[in-house]
C-alpha atoms as a PDB file:
ATOM      1  CA  MET A   1     -73.772-149.518  35.324  1.00  0.00           C
ATOM      2  CA  THR A   2     -76.789-149.738  33.089  1.00  0.00           C
ATOM      3  CA  SER A   3     -76.865-149.106  29.371  1.00  0.00           C
ATOM      4  CA  GLN A   4     -78.758-145.860  29.920  1.00  0.00           C
ATOM      5  CA  TYR A   5     -75.484-143.950  29.580  1.00  0.00           C
ATOM      6  CA  LYS A   6     -74.978-143.085  25.909  1.00  0.00           C
ATOM      7  CA  ARG A   7     -72.170-140.594  26.388  1.00  0.00           C
ATOM      8  CA  ARG A   8     -68.591-141.819  26.652  1.00  0.00           C
ATOM      9  CA  PHE A   9     -65.905-139.991  28.576  1.00  0.00           C
ATOM     10  CA  ASN A  10     -62.365-139.138  27.460  1.00  0.00           C
ATOM     11  CA  SER A  11     -60.777-139.643  30.883  1.00  0.00           C
ATOM     12  CA  PHE A  12     -61.264-141.594  34.079  1.00  0.00           C
ATOM     13  CA  VAL A  13     -59.729-140.918  37.491  1.00  0.00           C
ATOM     14  CA  PHE A  14     -60.358-143.258  40.418  1.00  0.00           C
ATOM     15  CA  ALA A  15     -59.039-142.816  43.964  1.00  0.00           C
ATOM     16  CA  HIS A  16     -61.029-144.484  46.717  1.00  0.00           C
ATOM     17  CA  ASP A  17     -59.809-146.594  49.612  1.00  0.00           C
ATOM     18  CA  GLU A  18     -62.978-148.619  50.247  1.00  0.00           C
ATOM     19  CA  LEU A  19     -63.919-149.748  46.725  1.00  0.00           C
ATOM     20  CA  HIS A  20     -61.851-152.360  44.907  1.00  0.00           C
ATOM     21  CA  PRO A  21     -60.311-150.867  41.730  1.00  0.00           C
ATOM     22  CA  LEU A  22     -60.953-154.008  39.665  1.00  0.00           C
ATOM     23  CA  GLU A  23     -64.695-153.967  40.282  1.00  0.00           C
ATOM     24  CA  VAL A  24     -64.899-150.263  39.467  1.00  0.00           C
ATOM     25  CA  TYR A  25     -62.836-150.749  36.302  1.00  0.00           C
ATOM     26  CA  LYS A  26     -65.056-153.615  35.106  1.00  0.00           C
ATOM     27  CA  SER A  27     -68.172-151.520  35.758  1.00  0.00           C
ATOM     28  CA  LEU A  28     -66.954-148.364  34.022  1.00  0.00           C
ATOM     29  CA  LYS A  29     -64.595-149.453  31.217  1.00  0.00           C
ATOM     30  CA  HIS A  30     -67.355-149.370  28.598  1.00  0.00           C
ATOM     31  CA  LEU A  31     -67.888-145.662  29.361  1.00  0.00           C
ATOM     32  CA  ILE A  32     -64.352-144.619  28.375  1.00  0.00           C
ATOM     33  CA  GLN A  33     -63.822-143.494  24.768  1.00  0.00           C
ATOM     34  CA  PRO A  34     -61.227-145.201  22.606  1.00  0.00           C
ATOM     35  CA  SER A  35     -57.903-143.435  23.245  1.00  0.00           C
ATOM     36  CA  GLY A  36     -59.265-142.066  26.513  1.00  0.00           C
ATOM     37  CA  SER A  37     -56.839-141.796  29.411  1.00  0.00           C
ATOM     38  CA  PHE A  38     -57.208-143.141  32.911  1.00  0.00           C
ATOM     39  CA  ALA A  39     -55.540-143.008  36.324  1.00  0.00           C
ATOM     40  CA  ILE A  40     -56.324-145.385  39.164  1.00  0.00           C
ATOM     41  CA  TYR A  41     -54.786-144.797  42.598  1.00  0.00           C
ATOM     42  CA  SER A  42     -54.359-147.267  45.447  1.00  0.00           C
ATOM     43  CA  ILE A  43     -52.209-147.342  48.541  1.00  0.00           C
ATOM     44  CA  TYR A  44     -51.613-151.048  47.810  1.00  0.00           C
ATOM     45  CA  LEU A  45     -49.927-152.588  44.775  1.00  0.00           C
ATOM     46  CA  GLN A  46     -51.956-155.823  44.567  1.00  0.00           C
ATOM     47  CA  PRO A  47     -55.329-154.303  43.506  1.00  0.00           C
ATOM     48  CA  LEU A  48     -53.640-152.397  40.687  1.00  0.00           C
ATOM     49  CA  THR A  49     -51.848-155.493  39.406  1.00  0.00           C
ATOM     50  CA  GLU A  50     -55.230-157.225  39.255  1.00  0.00           C
ATOM     51  CA  VAL A  51     -56.589-154.368  37.131  1.00  0.00           C
ATOM     52  CA  LEU A  52     -53.488-154.439  34.910  1.00  0.00           C
ATOM     53  CA  ASN A  53     -53.907-158.201  34.388  1.00  0.00           C
ATOM     54  CA  GLU A  54     -57.555-157.676  33.437  1.00  0.00           C
ATOM     55  CA  MET A  55     -56.527-154.999  30.940  1.00  0.00           C
ATOM     56  CA  SER A  56     -53.947-157.362  29.451  1.00  0.00           C
ATOM     57  CA  ARG A  57     -56.574-160.077  29.017  1.00  0.00           C
ATOM     58  CA  ASP A  58     -58.981-157.604  27.349  1.00  0.00           C
ATOM     59  CA  LYS A  59     -56.237-156.310  24.998  1.00  0.00           C
ATOM     60  CA  ASP A  60     -57.904-152.909  24.810  1.00  0.00           C
ATOM     61  CA  THR A  61     -55.397-150.811  26.752  1.00  0.00           C
ATOM     62  CA  VAL A  62     -52.229-149.154  25.494  1.00  0.00           C
ATOM     63  CA  ASN A  63     -49.245-147.981  27.535  1.00  0.00           C
ATOM     64  CA  ALA A  64     -50.632-149.113  30.884  1.00  0.00           C
ATOM     65  CA  LYS A  65     -48.101-148.933  33.696  1.00  0.00           C
ATOM     66  CA  ILE A  66     -47.980-148.896  37.475  1.00  0.00           C
ATOM     67  CA  GLU A  67     -45.795-146.331  39.177  1.00  0.00           C
ATOM     68  CA  GLU A  68     -44.963-145.925  42.831  1.00  0.00           C
ATOM     69  CA  LEU A  69     -45.722-142.459  44.130  1.00  0.00           C
ATOM     70  CA  TRP A  70     -43.242-140.929  46.491  1.00  0.00           C
ATOM     71  CA  THR A  71     -43.611-137.740  48.472  1.00  0.00           C
ATOM     72  CA  ARG A  72     -41.416-136.034  50.992  1.00  0.00           C
ATOM     73  CA  GLU A  73     -42.519-133.559  53.594  1.00  0.00           C
ATOM     74  CA  LEU A  74     -40.229-130.542  53.858  1.00  0.00           C
ATOM     75  CA  GLN A  75     -39.373-128.354  56.817  1.00  0.00           C
ATOM     76  CA  MET A  76     -39.328-124.705  55.839  1.00  0.00           C
ATOM     77  CA  PHE A  77     -37.234-122.246  57.817  1.00  0.00           C
ATOM     78  CA  PRO A  78     -35.969-118.777  56.928  1.00  0.00           C
ATOM     79  CA  LEU A  79     -33.070-119.133  54.458  1.00  0.00           C
ATOM     80  CA  ARG A  80     -33.111-122.952  54.603  1.00  0.00           C
ATOM     81  CA  THR A  81     -35.291-125.910  53.700  1.00  0.00           C
ATOM     82  CA  HIS A  82     -34.698-129.584  54.386  1.00  0.00           C
ATOM     83  CA  PRO A  83     -36.731-132.801  54.410  1.00  0.00           C
ATOM     84  CA  HIS A  84     -38.052-134.430  57.560  1.00  0.00           C
ATOM     85  CA  MET A  85     -35.635-137.237  58.295  1.00  0.00           C
ATOM     86  CA  SER A  86     -37.983-139.552  60.228  1.00  0.00           C
ATOM     87  CA  MET A  87     -40.705-140.028  57.643  1.00  0.00           C
ATOM     88  CA  HIS A  88     -41.533-142.766  55.192  1.00  0.00           C
ATOM     89  CA  GLY A  89     -41.768-141.684  51.595  1.00  0.00           C
ATOM     90  CA  GLN A  90     -44.279-144.141  50.173  1.00  0.00           C
ATOM     91  CA  SER A  91     -47.569-142.572  49.157  1.00  0.00           C
ATOM     92  CA  GLY A  92     -49.147-145.374  47.154  1.00  0.00           C
ATOM     93  CA  TYR A  93     -49.325-146.536  43.547  1.00  0.00           C
ATOM     94  CA  CYS A  94     -50.917-145.201  40.383  1.00  0.00           C
ATOM     95  CA  LEU A  95     -51.975-147.203  37.327  1.00  0.00           C
ATOM     96  CA  THR A  96     -52.143-145.030  34.206  1.00  0.00           C
ATOM     97  CA  GLY A  97     -52.689-145.568  30.506  1.00  0.00           C
END
């Protein structure tokens, strides 16, 4: 990003499967206000740990954590609901702070 952007943003959400989260974070971190919040999603854990390590080196992030997202598809029938039994539950990972 160029320095033409004077405005800083109070939040940042990134979810893209073709761009590497670390490169996007390095390009956009100067646009986030102090005490701004962020969420970065990836289906893989490794890219998010790279971003978390970069944040630790910069020492400018508070309460950063990676959480595994888990979803379950439900079957809905009249008077009963139950989860699909033959599905995997992993949906990806989210780095927040």
